[in-house]
Amino acid sequence: MICPKCKNENVTIQAVNEQKLVTKHHGIFWWICIGWWWVFVKWIILFIPAIFSAIFIGKRKKIKNITKKKHVCQNCGYIWE
């Protein structure tokens, strides 16, 4: 492996784990079968508990891990994928 910046062959490859916070959503099948009436029922009948859950519980989050290879030149410190 050769560094594109300084043309040196002293290059190491490292695995880097990147984390991303993603909001979970329901799929189209859930909205067709359940969601169209459940949201209506929740806000009409369960208005007060629904407000408290929206304020205090919030949205459902999920962490997505992505592993990438990074090349690091030991001579000049240049980093590329």
PDB file of N, CA and C in Angstrom:
ATOM      1  N   MET A   1       0.849  -1.172   0.000  1.00  0.00           N
ATOM      2  CA  MET A   1       0.000   0.000   0.000  1.00  0.00           C
ATOM      3  C   MET A   1       0.898   1.239   0.000  1.00  0.00           C
ATOM      4  N   ILE A   2       0.570   2.183  -0.833  1.00  0.00           N
ATOM      5  CA  ILE A   2       1.367   3.409  -0.966  1.00  0.00           C
ATOM      6  C   ILE A   2       0.493   4.605  -0.591  1.00  0.00           C
ATOM      7  N   CYS A   3       1.070   5.521   0.177  1.00  0.00           N
ATOM      8  CA  CYS A   3       0.377   6.744   0.576  1.00  0.00           C
ATOM      9  C   CYS A   3       0.206   7.650  -0.652  1.00  0.00           C
ATOM     10  N   PRO A   4      -1.044   8.130  -0.912  1.00  0.00           N
ATOM     11  CA  PRO A   4      -1.250   8.993  -2.068  1.00  0.00           C
ATOM     12  C   PRO A   4      -0.651  10.392  -1.895  1.00  0.00           C
ATOM     13  N   LYS A   5      -0.335  10.779  -0.673  1.00  0.00           N
ATOM     14  CA  LYS A   5       0.178  12.119  -0.426  1.00  0.00           C
ATOM     15  C   LYS A   5       1.697  12.182  -0.525  1.00  0.00           C
ATOM     16  N   CYS A   6       2.394  11.269   0.205  1.00  0.00           N
ATOM     17  CA  CYS A   6       3.860  11.334   0.249  1.00  0.00           C
ATOM     18  C   CYS A   6       4.548  10.183  -0.488  1.00  0.00           C
ATOM     19  N   LYS A   7       3.779   9.248  -1.027  1.00  0.00           N
ATOM     20  CA  LYS A   7       4.286   8.093  -1.793  1.00  0.00           C
ATOM     21  C   LYS A   7       5.173   7.162  -0.960  1.00  0.00           C
ATOM     22  N   ASN A   8       4.938   7.089   0.336  1.00  0.00           N
ATOM     23  CA  ASN A   8       5.688   6.216   1.228  1.00  0.00           C
ATOM     24  C   ASN A   8       4.936   4.888   1.355  1.00  0.00           C
ATOM     25  N   GLU A   9       5.655   3.782   1.595  1.00  0.00           N
ATOM     26  CA  GLU A   9       5.027   2.470   1.728  1.00  0.00           C
ATOM     27  C   GLU A   9       4.801   2.064   3.185  1.00  0.00           C
ATOM     28  N   ASN A  10       5.104   2.908   4.134  1.00  0.00           N
ATOM     29  CA  ASN A  10       4.921   2.615   5.548  1.00  0.00           C
ATOM     30  C   ASN A  10       3.491   3.010   5.946  1.00  0.00           C
ATOM     31  N   VAL A  11       2.509   2.136   5.607  1.00  0.00           N
ATOM     32  CA  VAL A  11       1.089   2.409   5.822  1.00  0.00           C
ATOM     33  C   VAL A  11       0.487   1.276   6.647  1.00  0.00           C
ATOM     34  N   THR A  12      -0.342   1.626   7.639  1.00  0.00           N
ATOM     35  CA  THR A  12      -1.072   0.621   8.416  1.00  0.00           C
ATOM     36  C   THR A  12      -2.561   0.768   8.125  1.00  0.00           C
ATOM     37  N   ILE A  13      -3.283  -0.341   8.290  1.00  0.00           N
ATOM     38  CA  ILE A  13      -4.725  -0.359   8.087  1.00  0.00           C
ATOM     39  C   ILE A  13      -5.374  -0.596   9.443  1.00  0.00           C
ATOM     40  N   GLN A  14      -6.367   0.253   9.788  1.00  0.00           N
ATOM     41  CA  GLN A  14      -7.048   0.144  11.070  1.00  0.00           C
ATOM     42  C   GLN A  14      -8.551   0.031  10.839  1.00  0.00           C
ATOM     43  N   ALA A  15      -9.214  -0.750  11.679  1.00  0.00           N
ATOM     44  CA  ALA A  15     -10.675  -0.849  11.648  1.00  0.00           C
ATOM     45  C   ALA A  15     -11.227   0.167  12.638  1.00  0.00           C
ATOM     46  N   VAL A  16     -12.110   1.044  12.144  1.00  0.00           N
ATOM     47  CA  VAL A  16     -12.689   2.102  12.965  1.00  0.00           C
ATOM     48  C   VAL A  16     -14.189   1.849  13.071  1.00  0.00           C
ATOM     49  N   ASN A  17     -14.713   1.882  14.299  1.00  0.00           N
ATOM     50  CA  ASN A  17     -16.133   1.682  14.535  1.00  0.00           C
ATOM     51  C   ASN A  17     -16.799   3.044  14.702  1.00  0.00           C
ATOM     52  N   GLU A  18     -17.750   3.359  13.809  1.00  0.00           N
ATOM     53  CA  GLU A  18     -18.495   4.612  13.896  1.00  0.00           C
ATOM     54  C   GLU A  18     -19.907   4.300  14.370  1.00  0.00           C
ATOM     55  N   GLN A  19     -20.419   5.113  15.304  1.00  0.00           N
ATOM     56  CA  GLN A  19     -21.755   4.896  15.837  1.00  0.00           C
ATOM     57  C   GLN A  19     -22.663   6.044  15.418  1.00  0.00           C
ATOM     58  N   LYS A  20     -23.912   5.678  15.084  1.00  0.00           N
ATOM     59  CA  LYS A  20     -24.881   6.651  14.621  1.00  0.00           C
ATOM     60  C   LYS A  20     -26.189   6.415  15.365  1.00  0.00           C
ATOM     61  N   LEU A  21     -26.798   7.476  15.889  1.00  0.00           N
ATOM     62  CA  LEU A  21     -28.054   7.367  16.614  1.00  0.00           C
ATOM     63  C   LEU A  21     -29.207   7.544  15.635  1.00  0.00           C
ATOM     64  N   VAL A  22     -30.075   6.530  15.544  1.00  0.00           N
ATOM     65  CA  VAL A  22     -31.161   6.516  14.560  1.00  0.00           C
ATOM     66  C   VAL A  22     -32.490   6.372  15.298  1.00  0.00           C
ATOM     67  N   THR A  23     -33.503   7.131  14.878  1.00  0.00           N
ATOM     68  CA  THR A  23     -34.837   7.003  15.432  1.00  0.00           C
ATOM     69  C   THR A  23     -35.552   5.844  14.744  1.00  0.00           C
ATOM     70  N   LYS A  24     -36.132   4.953  15.558  1.00  0.00           N
ATOM     71  CA  LYS A  24     -36.836   3.807  15.003  1.00  0.00           C
ATOM     72  C   LYS A  24     -38.216   4.240  14.508  1.00  0.00           C
ATOM     73  N   HIS A  25     -38.633   3.715  13.368  1.00  0.00           N
ATOM     74  CA  HIS A  25     -39.933   4.006  12.790  1.00  0.00           C
ATOM     75  C   HIS A  25     -40.666   2.704  12.507  1.00  0.00           C
ATOM     76  N   HIS A  26     -41.991   2.799  12.442  1.00  0.00           N
ATOM     77  CA  HIS A  26     -42.784   1.637  12.063  1.00  0.00           C
ATOM     78  C   HIS A  26     -42.792   1.511  10.546  1.00  0.00           C
ATOM     79  N   GLY A  27     -42.977   0.299  10.066  1.00  0.00           N
ATOM     80  CA  GLY A  27     -43.015   0.044   8.636  1.00  0.00           C
ATOM     81  C   GLY A  27     -44.394   0.320   8.044  1.00  0.00           C
ATOM     82  N   ILE A  28     -44.483   0.211   6.747  1.00  0.00           N
ATOM     83  CA  ILE A  28     -45.723   0.488   6.025  1.00  0.00           C
ATOM     84  C   ILE A  28     -46.812  -0.529   6.374  1.00  0.00           C
ATOM     85  N   PHE A  29     -46.420  -1.787   6.598  1.00  0.00           N
ATOM     86  CA  PHE A  29     -47.404  -2.824   6.949  1.00  0.00           C
ATOM     87  C   PHE A  29     -48.065  -2.496   8.284  1.00  0.00           C
ATOM     88  N   TRP A  30     -47.305  -2.008   9.273  1.00  0.00           N
ATOM     89  CA  TRP A  30     -47.857  -1.628  10.569  1.00  0.00           C
ATOM     90  C   TRP A  30     -48.843  -0.484  10.404  1.00  0.00           C
ATOM     91  N   TRP A  31     -48.511   0.522   9.602  1.00  0.00           N
ATOM     92  CA  TRP A  31     -49.410   1.664   9.409  1.00  0.00           C
ATOM     93  C   TRP A  31     -50.695   1.261   8.688  1.00  0.00           C
ATOM     94  N   ILE A  32     -50.616   0.331   7.743  1.00  0.00           N
ATOM     95  CA  ILE A  32     -51.814  -0.097   7.022  1.00  0.00           C
ATOM     96  C   ILE A  32     -52.744  -0.893   7.944  1.00  0.00           C
ATOM     97  N   CYS A  33     -52.178  -1.797   8.751  1.00  0.00           N
ATOM     98  CA  CYS A  33     -53.006  -2.681   9.581  1.00  0.00           C
ATOM     99  C   CYS A  33     -53.398  -2.069  10.926  1.00  0.00           C
ATOM    100  N   ILE A  34     -52.483  -1.410  11.600  1.00  0.00           N
ATOM    101  CA  ILE A  34     -52.717  -0.983  12.980  1.00  0.00           C
ATOM    102  C   ILE A  34     -52.631   0.528  13.159  1.00  0.00           C
ATOM    103  N   GLY A  35     -51.665   1.146  12.552  1.00  0.00           N
ATOM    104  CA  GLY A  35     -51.332   2.536  12.844  1.00  0.00           C
ATOM    105  C   GLY A  35     -52.418   3.540  12.585  1.00  0.00           C
ATOM    106  N   TRP A  36     -53.196   3.368  11.511  1.00  0.00           N
ATOM    107  CA  TRP A  36     -54.199   4.376  11.164  1.00  0.00           C
ATOM    108  C   TRP A  36     -55.273   4.492  12.233  1.00  0.00           C
ATOM    109  N   TRP A  37     -55.639   3.419  12.920  1.00  0.00           N
ATOM    110  CA  TRP A  37     -56.641   3.520  13.978  1.00  0.00           C
ATOM    111  C   TRP A  37     -56.014   3.653  15.356  1.00  0.00           C
ATOM    112  N   TRP A  38     -54.821   3.122  15.575  1.00  0.00           N
ATOM    113  CA  TRP A  38     -54.204   3.190  16.891  1.00  0.00           C
ATOM    114  C   TRP A  38     -53.820   4.615  17.267  1.00  0.00           C
ATOM    115  N   VAL A  39     -53.304   5.390  16.335  1.00  0.00           N
ATOM    116  CA  VAL A  39     -52.936   6.774  16.624  1.00  0.00           C
ATOM    117  C   VAL A  39     -54.184   7.584  16.978  1.00  0.00           C
ATOM    118  N   PHE A  40     -55.267   7.360  16.258  1.00  0.00           N
ATOM    119  CA  PHE A  40     -56.531   8.046  16.544  1.00  0.00           C
ATOM    120  C   PHE A  40     -57.046   7.689  17.932  1.00  0.00           C
ATOM    121  N   VAL A  41     -57.072   6.401  18.261  1.00  0.00           N
ATOM    122  CA  VAL A  41     -57.557   5.941  19.572  1.00  0.00           C
ATOM    123  C   VAL A  41     -56.661   6.466  20.689  1.00  0.00           C
ATOM    124  N   LYS A  42     -55.364   6.426  20.478  1.00  0.00           N
ATOM    125  CA  LYS A  42     -54.431   6.889  21.511  1.00  0.00           C
ATOM    126  C   LYS A  42     -54.635   8.364  21.830  1.00  0.00           C
ATOM    127  N   TRP A  43     -54.823   9.196  20.840  1.00  0.00           N
ATOM    128  CA  TRP A  43     -54.951  10.626  21.085  1.00  0.00           C
ATOM    129  C   TRP A  43     -56.352  11.033  21.528  1.00  0.00           C
ATOM    130  N   ILE A  44     -57.368  10.292  21.186  1.00  0.00           N
ATOM    131  CA  ILE A  44     -58.730  10.632  21.623  1.00  0.00           C
ATOM    132  C   ILE A  44     -59.009  10.102  23.029  1.00  0.00           C
ATOM    133  N   ILE A  45     -58.786   8.815  23.249  1.00  0.00           N
ATOM    134  CA  ILE A  45     -59.132   8.197  24.525  1.00  0.00           C
ATOM    135  C   ILE A  45     -58.041   8.376  25.568  1.00  0.00           C
ATOM    136  N   LEU A  46     -56.785   8.271  25.164  1.00  0.00           N
ATOM    137  CA  LEU A  46     -55.668   8.336  26.100  1.00  0.00           C
ATOM    138  C   LEU A  46     -54.906   9.658  25.975  1.00  0.00           C
ATOM    139  N   PHE A  47     -55.629  10.770  25.887  1.00  0.00           N
ATOM    140  CA  PHE A  47     -54.999  12.056  25.600  1.00  0.00           C
ATOM    141  C   PHE A  47     -53.962  12.452  26.649  1.00  0.00           C
ATOM    142  N   ILE A  48     -54.317  12.419  27.902  1.00  0.00           N
ATOM    143  CA  ILE A  48     -53.395  12.835  28.968  1.00  0.00           C
ATOM    144  C   ILE A  48     -52.196  11.895  29.073  1.00  0.00           C
ATOM    145  N   PRO A  49     -52.371  10.553  29.138  1.00  0.00           N
ATOM    146  CA  PRO A  49     -51.189   9.681  29.169  1.00  0.00           C
ATOM    147  C   PRO A  49     -50.328   9.801  27.915  1.00  0.00           C
ATOM    148  N   ALA A  50     -50.954  10.065  26.769  1.00  0.00           N
ATOM    149  CA  ALA A  50     -50.182  10.215  25.533  1.00  0.00           C
ATOM    150  C   ALA A  50     -49.305  11.463  25.581  1.00  0.00           C
ATOM    151  N   ILE A  51     -49.796  12.537  26.150  1.00  0.00           N
ATOM    152  CA  ILE A  51     -48.984  13.756  26.281  1.00  0.00           C
ATOM    153  C   ILE A  51     -47.811  13.503  27.222  1.00  0.00           C
ATOM    154  N   PHE A  52     -48.074  12.850  28.364  1.00  0.00           N
ATOM    155  CA  PHE A  52     -46.984  12.553  29.293  1.00  0.00           C
ATOM    156  C   PHE A  52     -45.945  11.626  28.664  1.00  0.00           C
ATOM    157  N   SER A  53     -46.397  10.636  27.886  1.00  0.00           N
ATOM    158  CA  SER A  53     -45.423   9.742  27.252  1.00  0.00           C
ATOM    159  C   SER A  53     -44.630  10.465  26.172  1.00  0.00           C
ATOM    160  N   ALA A  54     -45.256  11.390  25.452  1.00  0.00           N
ATOM    161  CA  ALA A  54     -44.533  12.148  24.425  1.00  0.00           C
ATOM    162  C   ALA A  54     -43.495  13.075  25.048  1.00  0.00           C
ATOM    163  N   ILE A  55     -43.811  13.622  26.215  1.00  0.00           N
ATOM    164  CA  ILE A  55     -42.883  14.550  26.878  1.00  0.00           C
ATOM    165  C   ILE A  55     -41.765  13.801  27.590  1.00  0.00           C
ATOM    166  N   PHE A  56     -42.110  12.810  28.398  1.00  0.00           N
ATOM    167  CA  PHE A  56     -41.126  12.185  29.275  1.00  0.00           C
ATOM    168  C   PHE A  56     -40.425  10.977  28.680  1.00  0.00           C
ATOM    169  N   ILE A  57     -41.083  10.209  27.844  1.00  0.00           N
ATOM    170  CA  ILE A  57     -40.459   9.026  27.266  1.00  0.00           C
ATOM    171  C   ILE A  57     -39.715   9.388  25.988  1.00  0.00           C
ATOM    172  N   GLY A  58     -40.307  10.190  25.137  1.00  0.00           N
ATOM    173  CA  GLY A  58     -39.649  10.608  23.905  1.00  0.00           C
ATOM    174  C   GLY A  58     -39.708   9.547  22.829  1.00  0.00           C
ATOM    175  N   LYS A  59     -38.893   9.751  21.812  1.00  0.00           N
ATOM    176  CA  LYS A  59     -38.869   8.827  20.683  1.00  0.00           C
ATOM    177  C   LYS A  59     -37.910   7.677  20.959  1.00  0.00           C
ATOM    178  N   ARG A  60     -38.184   6.560  20.318  1.00  0.00           N
ATOM    179  CA  ARG A  60     -37.326   5.388  20.475  1.00  0.00           C
ATOM    180  C   ARG A  60     -36.076   5.579  19.622  1.00  0.00           C
ATOM    181  N   LYS A  61     -34.938   5.370  20.224  1.00  0.00           N
ATOM    182  CA  LYS A  61     -33.667   5.535  19.534  1.00  0.00           C
ATOM    183  C   LYS A  61     -32.956   4.195  19.436  1.00  0.00           C
ATOM    184  N   LYS A  62     -32.110   4.082  18.428  1.00  0.00           N
ATOM    185  CA  LYS A  62     -31.345   2.863  18.197  1.00  0.00           C
ATOM    186  C   LYS A  62     -29.949   3.273  17.753  1.00  0.00           C
ATOM    187  N   ILE A  63     -28.929   2.580  18.247  1.00  0.00           N
ATOM    188  CA  ILE A  63     -27.558   2.866  17.839  1.00  0.00           C
ATOM    189  C   ILE A  63     -27.182   1.933  16.699  1.00  0.00           C
ATOM    190  N   LYS A  64     -26.696   2.523  15.611  1.00  0.00           N
ATOM    191  CA  LYS A  64     -26.272   1.750  14.448  1.00  0.00           C
ATOM    192  C   LYS A  64     -24.752   1.802  14.379  1.00  0.00           C
ATOM    193  N   ASN A  65     -24.103   0.640  14.386  1.00  0.00           N
ATOM    194  CA  ASN A  65     -22.646   0.553  14.322  1.00  0.00           C
ATOM    195  C   ASN A  65     -22.199   0.289  12.894  1.00  0.00           C
ATOM    196  N   ILE A  66     -21.214   1.062  12.445  1.00  0.00           N
ATOM    197  CA  ILE A  66     -20.648   0.903  11.108  1.00  0.00           C
ATOM    198  C   ILE A  66     -19.141   0.739  11.267  1.00  0.00           C
ATOM    199  N   THR A  67     -18.588  -0.337  10.732  1.00  0.00           N
ATOM    200  CA  THR A  67     -17.154  -0.578  10.788  1.00  0.00           C
ATOM    201  C   THR A  67     -16.545  -0.243   9.434  1.00  0.00           C
ATOM    202  N   LYS A  68     -15.518   0.614   9.448  1.00  0.00           N
ATOM    203  CA  LYS A  68     -14.846   1.026   8.217  1.00  0.00           C
ATOM    204  C   LYS A  68     -13.354   0.790   8.357  1.00  0.00           C
ATOM    205  N   LYS A  69     -12.704   0.576   7.219  1.00  0.00           N
ATOM    206  CA  LYS A  69     -11.250   0.443   7.204  1.00  0.00           C
ATOM    207  C   LYS A  69     -10.645   1.814   6.900  1.00  0.00           C
ATOM    208  N   LYS A  70      -9.673   2.214   7.703  1.00  0.00           N
ATOM    209  CA  LYS A  70      -8.949   3.466   7.473  1.00  0.00           C
ATOM    210  C   LYS A  70      -7.476   3.132   7.280  1.00  0.00           C
ATOM    211  N   HIS A  71      -6.857   3.759   6.286  1.00  0.00           N
ATOM    212  CA  HIS A  71      -5.429   3.604   6.031  1.00  0.00           C
ATOM    213  C   HIS A  71      -4.717   4.814   6.627  1.00  0.00           C
ATOM    214  N   VAL A  72      -3.661   4.563   7.384  1.00  0.00           N
ATOM    215  CA  VAL A  72      -2.918   5.637   8.037  1.00  0.00           C
ATOM    216  C   VAL A  72      -1.459   5.550   7.615  1.00  0.00           C
ATOM    217  N   CYS A  73      -0.944   6.651   7.070  1.00  0.00           N
ATOM    218  CA  CYS A  73       0.469   6.718   6.698  1.00  0.00           C
ATOM    219  C   CYS A  73       1.282   7.009   7.956  1.00  0.00           C
ATOM    220  N   GLN A  74       2.300   6.194   8.224  1.00  0.00           N
ATOM    221  CA  GLN A  74       3.130   6.376   9.404  1.00  0.00           C
ATOM    222  C   GLN A  74       4.164   7.476   9.207  1.00  0.00           C
ATOM    223  N   ASN A  75       4.373   7.900   7.982  1.00  0.00           N
ATOM    224  CA  ASN A  75       5.361   8.934   7.691  1.00  0.00           C
ATOM    225  C   ASN A  75       4.761  10.342   7.833  1.00  0.00           C
ATOM    226  N   CYS A  76       3.647  10.608   7.135  1.00  0.00           N
ATOM    227  CA  CYS A  76       3.081  11.953   7.132  1.00  0.00           C
ATOM    228  C   CYS A  76       1.784  12.073   7.934  1.00  0.00           C
ATOM    229  N   GLY A  77       1.150  10.975   8.332  1.00  0.00           N
ATOM    230  CA  GLY A  77      -0.069  11.011   9.125  1.00  0.00           C
ATOM    231  C   GLY A  77      -1.336  11.167   8.317  1.00  0.00           C
ATOM    232  N   TYR A  78      -1.263  11.044   7.009  1.00  0.00           N
ATOM    233  CA  TYR A  78      -2.443  11.178   6.150  1.00  0.00           C
ATOM    234  C   TYR A  78      -3.378   9.973   6.357  1.00  0.00           C
ATOM    235  N   ILE A  79      -4.699  10.223   6.438  1.00  0.00           N
ATOM    236  CA  ILE A  79      -5.692   9.171   6.667  1.00  0.00           C
ATOM    237  C   ILE A  79      -6.658   9.145   5.495  1.00  0.00           C
ATOM    238  N   TRP A  80      -6.919   7.957   4.939  1.00  0.00           N
ATOM    239  CA  TRP A  80      -7.886   7.790   3.866  1.00  0.00           C
ATOM    240  C   TRP A  80      -8.539   6.431   3.974  1.00  0.00           C
ATOM    241  N   GLU A  81      -9.624   6.253   3.235  1.00  0.00           N
ATOM    242  CA  GLU A  81     -10.342   4.975   3.270  1.00  0.00           C
ATOM    243  C   GLU A  81      -9.901   4.074   2.140  1.00  0.00           C
TER     244      GLU A  81
END
